PDB file of N, CA and C in Angstrom:
ATOM      1  N   MET A   1       0.829  -1.193   0.000  1.00  0.00           N
ATOM      2  CA  MET A   1       0.000   0.000   0.000  1.00  0.00           C
ATOM      3  C   MET A   1       0.875   1.259   0.000  1.00  0.00           C
ATOM      4  N   LYS A   2       1.999   1.184   0.723  1.00  0.00           N
ATOM      5  CA  LYS A   2       2.877   2.356   0.772  1.00  0.00           C
ATOM      6  C   LYS A   2       3.466   2.644  -0.601  1.00  0.00           C
ATOM      7  N   LYS A   3       3.782   1.578  -1.351  1.00  0.00           N
ATOM      8  CA  LYS A   3       4.358   1.774  -2.683  1.00  0.00           C
ATOM      9  C   LYS A   3       3.361   2.452  -3.613  1.00  0.00           C
ATOM     10  N   VAL A   4       2.087   2.102  -3.488  1.00  0.00           N
ATOM     11  CA  VAL A   4       1.063   2.719  -4.322  1.00  0.00           C
ATOM     12  C   VAL A   4       0.909   4.196  -3.963  1.00  0.00           C
ATOM     13  N   ALA A   5       0.935   4.492  -2.665  1.00  0.00           N
ATOM     14  CA  ALA A   5       0.809   5.881  -2.225  1.00  0.00           C
ATOM     15  C   ALA A   5       2.008   6.706  -2.683  1.00  0.00           C
ATOM     16  N   ILE A   6       3.205   6.130  -2.582  1.00  0.00           N
ATOM     17  CA  ILE A   6       4.410   6.840  -3.012  1.00  0.00           C
ATOM     18  C   ILE A   6       4.380   7.059  -4.520  1.00  0.00           C
ATOM     19  N   ALA A   7       3.953   6.048  -5.260  1.00  0.00           N
ATOM     20  CA  ALA A   7       3.869   6.177  -6.719  1.00  0.00           C
ATOM     21  C   ALA A   7       2.855   7.251  -7.102  1.00  0.00           C
ATOM     22  N   ALA A   8       1.732   7.290  -6.397  1.00  0.00           N
ATOM     23  CA  ALA A   8       0.724   8.312  -6.687  1.00  0.00           C
ATOM     24  C   ALA A   8       1.253   9.692  -6.354  1.00  0.00           C
ATOM     25  N   LEU A   9       1.995   9.811  -5.265  1.00  0.00           N
ATOM     26  CA  LEU A   9       2.570  11.103  -4.874  1.00  0.00           C
ATOM     27  C   LEU A   9       3.592  11.578  -5.903  1.00  0.00           C
ATOM     28  N   ILE A  10       4.422  10.672  -6.361  1.00  0.00           N
ATOM     29  CA  ILE A  10       5.432  11.035  -7.366  1.00  0.00           C
ATOM     30  C   ILE A  10       4.755  11.423  -8.680  1.00  0.00           C
ATOM     31  N   ALA A  11       3.716  10.670  -9.060  1.00  0.00           N
ATOM     32  CA  ALA A  11       2.999  10.987 -10.300  1.00  0.00           C
ATOM     33  C   ALA A  11       2.323  12.343 -10.203  1.00  0.00           C
ATOM     34  N   ALA A  12       1.757  12.657  -9.038  1.00  0.00           N
ATOM     35  CA  ALA A  12       1.104  13.951  -8.859  1.00  0.00           C
ATOM     36  C   ALA A  12       2.123  15.084  -8.906  1.00  0.00           C
ATOM     37  N   ALA A  13       3.265  14.872  -8.279  1.00  0.00           N
ATOM     38  CA  ALA A  13       4.304  15.903  -8.282  1.00  0.00           C
ATOM     39  C   ALA A  13       4.847  16.118  -9.687  1.00  0.00           C
ATOM     40  N   ALA A  14       5.017  15.050 -10.433  1.00  0.00           N
ATOM     41  CA  ALA A  14       5.554  15.160 -11.794  1.00  0.00           C
ATOM     42  C   ALA A  14       4.551  15.836 -12.725  1.00  0.00           C
ATOM     43  N   SER A  15       3.274  15.583 -12.531  1.00  0.00           N
ATOM     44  CA  SER A  15       2.281  16.175 -13.423  1.00  0.00           C
ATOM     45  C   SER A  15       2.095  17.662 -13.150  1.00  0.00           C
ATOM     46  N   THR A  16       2.230  18.100 -11.890  1.00  0.00           N
ATOM     47  CA  THR A  16       2.104  19.528 -11.596  1.00  0.00           C
ATOM     48  C   THR A  16       3.332  20.287 -12.064  1.00  0.00           C
ATOM     49  N   ALA A  17       4.504  19.662 -12.024  1.00  0.00           N
ATOM     50  CA  ALA A  17       5.723  20.322 -12.477  1.00  0.00           C
ATOM     51  C   ALA A  17       5.681  20.547 -13.984  1.00  0.00           C
ATOM     52  N   ALA A  18       4.979  19.698 -14.702  1.00  0.00           N
ATOM     53  CA  ALA A  18       4.911  19.835 -16.151  1.00  0.00           C
ATOM     54  C   ALA A  18       4.121  21.077 -16.548  1.00  0.00           C
ATOM     55  N   TYR A  19       3.178  21.504 -15.737  1.00  0.00           N
ATOM     56  CA  TYR A  19       2.352  22.669 -16.042  1.00  0.00           C
ATOM     57  C   TYR A  19       2.757  23.907 -15.247  1.00  0.00           C
ATOM     58  N   ALA A  20       3.923  23.892 -14.650  1.00  0.00           N
ATOM     59  CA  ALA A  20       4.329  25.007 -13.794  1.00  0.00           C
ATOM     60  C   ALA A  20       4.699  26.243 -14.613  1.00  0.00           C
ATOM     61  N   GLY A  21       5.176  26.071 -15.799  1.00  0.00           N
ATOM     62  CA  GLY A  21       5.621  27.214 -16.599  1.00  0.00           C
ATOM     63  C   GLY A  21       4.471  27.895 -17.301  1.00  0.00           C
ATOM     64  N   THR A  22       4.796  29.002 -17.953  1.00  0.00           N
ATOM     65  CA  THR A  22       3.794  29.739 -18.712  1.00  0.00           C
ATOM     66  C   THR A  22       4.428  30.233 -19.998  1.00  0.00           C
ATOM     67  N   ILE A  23       3.612  30.420 -21.015  1.00  0.00           N
ATOM     68  CA  ILE A  23       4.146  30.935 -22.270  1.00  0.00           C
ATOM     69  C   ILE A  23       3.908  32.432 -22.408  1.00  0.00           C
ATOM     70  N   ASP A  24       3.280  33.026 -21.409  1.00  0.00           N
ATOM     71  CA  ASP A  24       3.048  34.467 -21.434  1.00  0.00           C
ATOM     72  C   ASP A  24       4.364  35.205 -21.238  1.00  0.00           C
ATOM     73  N   PRO A  25       4.530  36.325 -21.898  1.00  0.00           N
ATOM     74  CA  PRO A  25       5.764  37.100 -21.690  1.00  0.00           C
ATOM     75  C   PRO A  25       5.799  37.674 -20.271  1.00  0.00           C
ATOM     76  N   VAL A  26       6.981  37.781 -19.764  1.00  0.00           N
ATOM     77  CA  VAL A  26       7.158  38.299 -18.417  1.00  0.00           C
ATOM     78  C   VAL A  26       6.953  39.805 -18.431  1.00  0.00           C
ATOM     79  N   VAL A  27       6.110  40.295 -17.549  1.00  0.00           N
ATOM     80  CA  VAL A  27       5.838  41.725 -17.465  1.00  0.00           C
ATOM     81  C   VAL A  27       6.643  42.288 -16.309  1.00  0.00           C
ATOM     82  N   ILE A  28       7.540  43.180 -16.620  1.00  0.00           N
ATOM     83  CA  ILE A  28       8.364  43.823 -15.592  1.00  0.00           C
ATOM     84  C   ILE A  28       7.907  45.266 -15.478  1.00  0.00           C
ATOM     85  N   GLU A  29       7.442  45.626 -14.297  1.00  0.00           N
ATOM     86  CA  GLU A  29       6.975  46.994 -14.091  1.00  0.00           C
ATOM     87  C   GLU A  29       8.176  47.920 -13.923  1.00  0.00           C
ATOM     88  N   PRO A  30       8.102  49.124 -14.465  1.00  0.00           N
ATOM     89  CA  PRO A  30       9.224  50.053 -14.329  1.00  0.00           C
ATOM     90  C   PRO A  30       9.392  50.484 -12.869  1.00  0.00           C
ATOM     91  N   GLU A  31      10.637  50.656 -12.493  1.00  0.00           N
ATOM     92  CA  GLU A  31      10.934  51.063 -11.126  1.00  0.00           C
ATOM     93  C   GLU A  31      10.650  52.557 -10.968  1.00  0.00           C
ATOM     94  N   VAL A  32       9.909  52.885  -9.935  1.00  0.00           N
ATOM     95  CA  VAL A  32       9.546  54.272  -9.692  1.00  0.00           C
ATOM     96  C   VAL A  32      10.638  54.904  -8.830  1.00  0.00           C
ATOM     97  N   ILE A  33      11.221  55.968  -9.327  1.00  0.00           N
ATOM     98  CA  ILE A  33      12.268  56.676  -8.589  1.00  0.00           C
ATOM     99  C   ILE A  33      11.699  58.011  -8.158  1.00  0.00           C
ATOM    100  N   ILE A  34      11.654  58.209  -6.853  1.00  0.00           N
ATOM    101  CA  ILE A  34      11.130  59.473  -6.317  1.00  0.00           C
ATOM    102  C   ILE A  34      12.322  60.361  -5.971  1.00  0.00           C
ATOM    103  N   GLU A  35      12.360  61.491  -6.610  1.00  0.00           N
ATOM    104  CA  GLU A  35      13.461  62.417  -6.403  1.00  0.00           C
ATOM    105  C   GLU A  35      12.988  63.535  -5.491  1.00  0.00           C
ATOM    106  N   GLU A  36      13.753  63.771  -4.440  1.00  0.00           N
ATOM    107  CA  GLU A  36      13.368  64.826  -3.512  1.00  0.00           C
ATOM    108  C   GLU A  36      13.599  66.191  -4.150  1.00  0.00           C
ATOM    109  N   ALA A  37      12.765  67.116  -3.774  1.00  0.00           N
ATOM    110  CA  ALA A  37      12.892  68.470  -4.305  1.00  0.00           C
ATOM    111  C   ALA A  37      14.173  69.123  -3.769  1.00  0.00           C
ATOM    112  N   ALA A  38      14.699  70.020  -4.554  1.00  0.00           N
ATOM    113  CA  ALA A  38      15.906  70.727  -4.131  1.00  0.00           C
ATOM    114  C   ALA A  38      15.603  71.553  -2.888  1.00  0.00           C
ATOM    115  N   SER A  39      16.607  71.663  -2.038  1.00  0.00           N
ATOM    116  CA  SER A  39      16.399  72.419  -0.806  1.00  0.00           C
ATOM    117  C   SER A  39      16.211  73.899  -1.109  1.00  0.00           C
ATOM    118  N   SER A  40      15.548  74.568  -0.242  1.00  0.00           N
ATOM    119  CA  SER A  40      15.289  75.989  -0.455  1.00  0.00           C
ATOM    120  C   SER A  40      16.531  76.806  -0.141  1.00  0.00           C
ATOM    121  N   SER A  41      16.502  78.066  -0.494  1.00  0.00           N
ATOM    122  CA  SER A  41      17.657  78.926  -0.272  1.00  0.00           C
ATOM    123  C   SER A  41      17.848  79.244   1.207  1.00  0.00           C
ATOM    124  N   SER A  42      16.816  79.082   2.022  1.00  0.00           N
ATOM    125  CA  SER A  42      16.966  79.357   3.456  1.00  0.00           C
ATOM    126  C   SER A  42      17.887  78.331   4.106  1.00  0.00           C
ATOM    127  N   ALA A  43      17.921  77.102   3.592  1.00  0.00           N
ATOM    128  CA  ALA A  43      18.833  76.097   4.140  1.00  0.00           C
ATOM    129  C   ALA A  43      20.277  76.492   3.848  1.00  0.00           C
ATOM    130  N   GLY A  44      20.527  77.057   2.671  1.00  0.00           N
ATOM    131  CA  GLY A  44      21.868  77.533   2.343  1.00  0.00           C
ATOM    132  C   GLY A  44      22.275  78.686   3.234  1.00  0.00           C
ATOM    133  N   LEU A  45      21.304  79.513   3.608  1.00  0.00           N
ATOM    134  CA  LEU A  45      21.578  80.633   4.506  1.00  0.00           C
ATOM    135  C   LEU A  45      21.961  80.127   5.895  1.00  0.00           C
ATOM    136  N   VAL A  46      21.295  79.093   6.361  1.00  0.00           N
ATOM    137  CA  VAL A  46      21.600  78.528   7.677  1.00  0.00           C
ATOM    138  C   VAL A  46      23.016  77.964   7.682  1.00  0.00           C
ATOM    139  N   VAL A  47      23.400  77.270   6.630  1.00  0.00           N
ATOM    140  CA  VAL A  47      24.751  76.718   6.538  1.00  0.00           C
ATOM    141  C   VAL A  47      25.778  77.840   6.522  1.00  0.00           C
ATOM    142  N   LEU A  48      25.498  78.895   5.798  1.00  0.00           N
ATOM    143  CA  LEU A  48      26.416  80.037   5.742  1.00  0.00           C
ATOM    144  C   LEU A  48      26.562  80.683   7.113  1.00  0.00           C
ATOM    145  N   LEU A  49      25.447  80.867   7.821  1.00  0.00           N
ATOM    146  CA  LEU A  49      25.511  81.461   9.160  1.00  0.00           C
ATOM    147  C   LEU A  49      26.278  80.570  10.131  1.00  0.00           C
ATOM    148  N   LEU A  50      26.114  79.263  10.031  1.00  0.00           N
ATOM    149  CA  LEU A  50      26.884  78.353  10.889  1.00  0.00           C
ATOM    150  C   LEU A  50      28.369  78.431  10.573  1.00  0.00           C
ATOM    151  N   LEU A  51      28.706  78.537   9.302  1.00  0.00           N
ATOM    152  CA  LEU A  51      30.109  78.661   8.905  1.00  0.00           C
ATOM    153  C   LEU A  51      30.711  79.946   9.453  1.00  0.00           C
ATOM    154  N   VAL A  52      29.977  81.056   9.368  1.00  0.00           N
ATOM    155  CA  VAL A  52      30.462  82.330   9.909  1.00  0.00           C
ATOM    156  C   VAL A  52      30.642  82.219  11.419  1.00  0.00           C
ATOM    157  N   ALA A  53      29.720  81.558  12.099  1.00  0.00           N
ATOM    158  CA  ALA A  53      29.824  81.408  13.550  1.00  0.00           C
ATOM    159  C   ALA A  53      31.046  80.564  13.934  1.00  0.00           C
ATOM    160  N   VAL A  54      31.315  79.516  13.173  1.00  0.00           N
ATOM    161  CA  VAL A  54      32.488  78.673  13.458  1.00  0.00           C
ATOM    162  C   VAL A  54      33.771  79.433  13.219  1.00  0.00           C
ATOM    163  N   VAL A  55      33.830  80.215  12.129  1.00  0.00           N
ATOM    164  CA  VAL A  55      35.029  81.015  11.840  1.00  0.00           C
ATOM    165  C   VAL A  55      35.222  82.069  12.914  1.00  0.00           C
ATOM    166  N   ALA A  56      34.137  82.696  13.352  1.00  0.00           N
ATOM    167  CA  ALA A  56      34.237  83.732  14.394  1.00  0.00           C
ATOM    168  C   ALA A  56      34.706  83.114  15.707  1.00  0.00           C
ATOM    169  N   ALA A  57      34.205  81.922  16.009  1.00  0.00           N
ATOM    170  CA  ALA A  57      34.620  81.266  17.250  1.00  0.00           C
ATOM    171  C   ALA A  57      36.082  80.825  17.162  1.00  0.00           C
ATOM    172  N   ALA A  58      36.527  80.420  16.018  1.00  0.00           N
ATOM    173  CA  ALA A  58      37.892  79.957  15.862  1.00  0.00           C
ATOM    174  C   ALA A  58      38.871  81.137  15.907  1.00  0.00           C
ATOM    175  N   SER A  59      38.473  82.297  15.465  1.00  0.00           N
ATOM    176  CA  SER A  59      39.376  83.445  15.446  1.00  0.00           C
ATOM    177  C   SER A  59      39.469  84.145  16.798  1.00  0.00           C
ATOM    178  N   SER A  60      38.542  83.820  17.709  1.00  0.00           N
ATOM    179  CA  SER A  60      38.564  84.483  19.030  1.00  0.00           C
ATOM    180  C   SER A  60      39.640  83.936  19.924  1.00  0.00           C
TER     181      SER A  60
END
């Protein structure tokens, strides 16, 4: 009985593997790249003020 069950299991596995593939073309969706907006000019002003503060502290 075990041999019959094993044979049936192997036959079932082999028959499902035969239909596992597809002939449809593979559809690859394009990758969405989100680009952050450029920083505003106020951020550049903050960096400039920090640089001036560091230079002033270093010269003291």
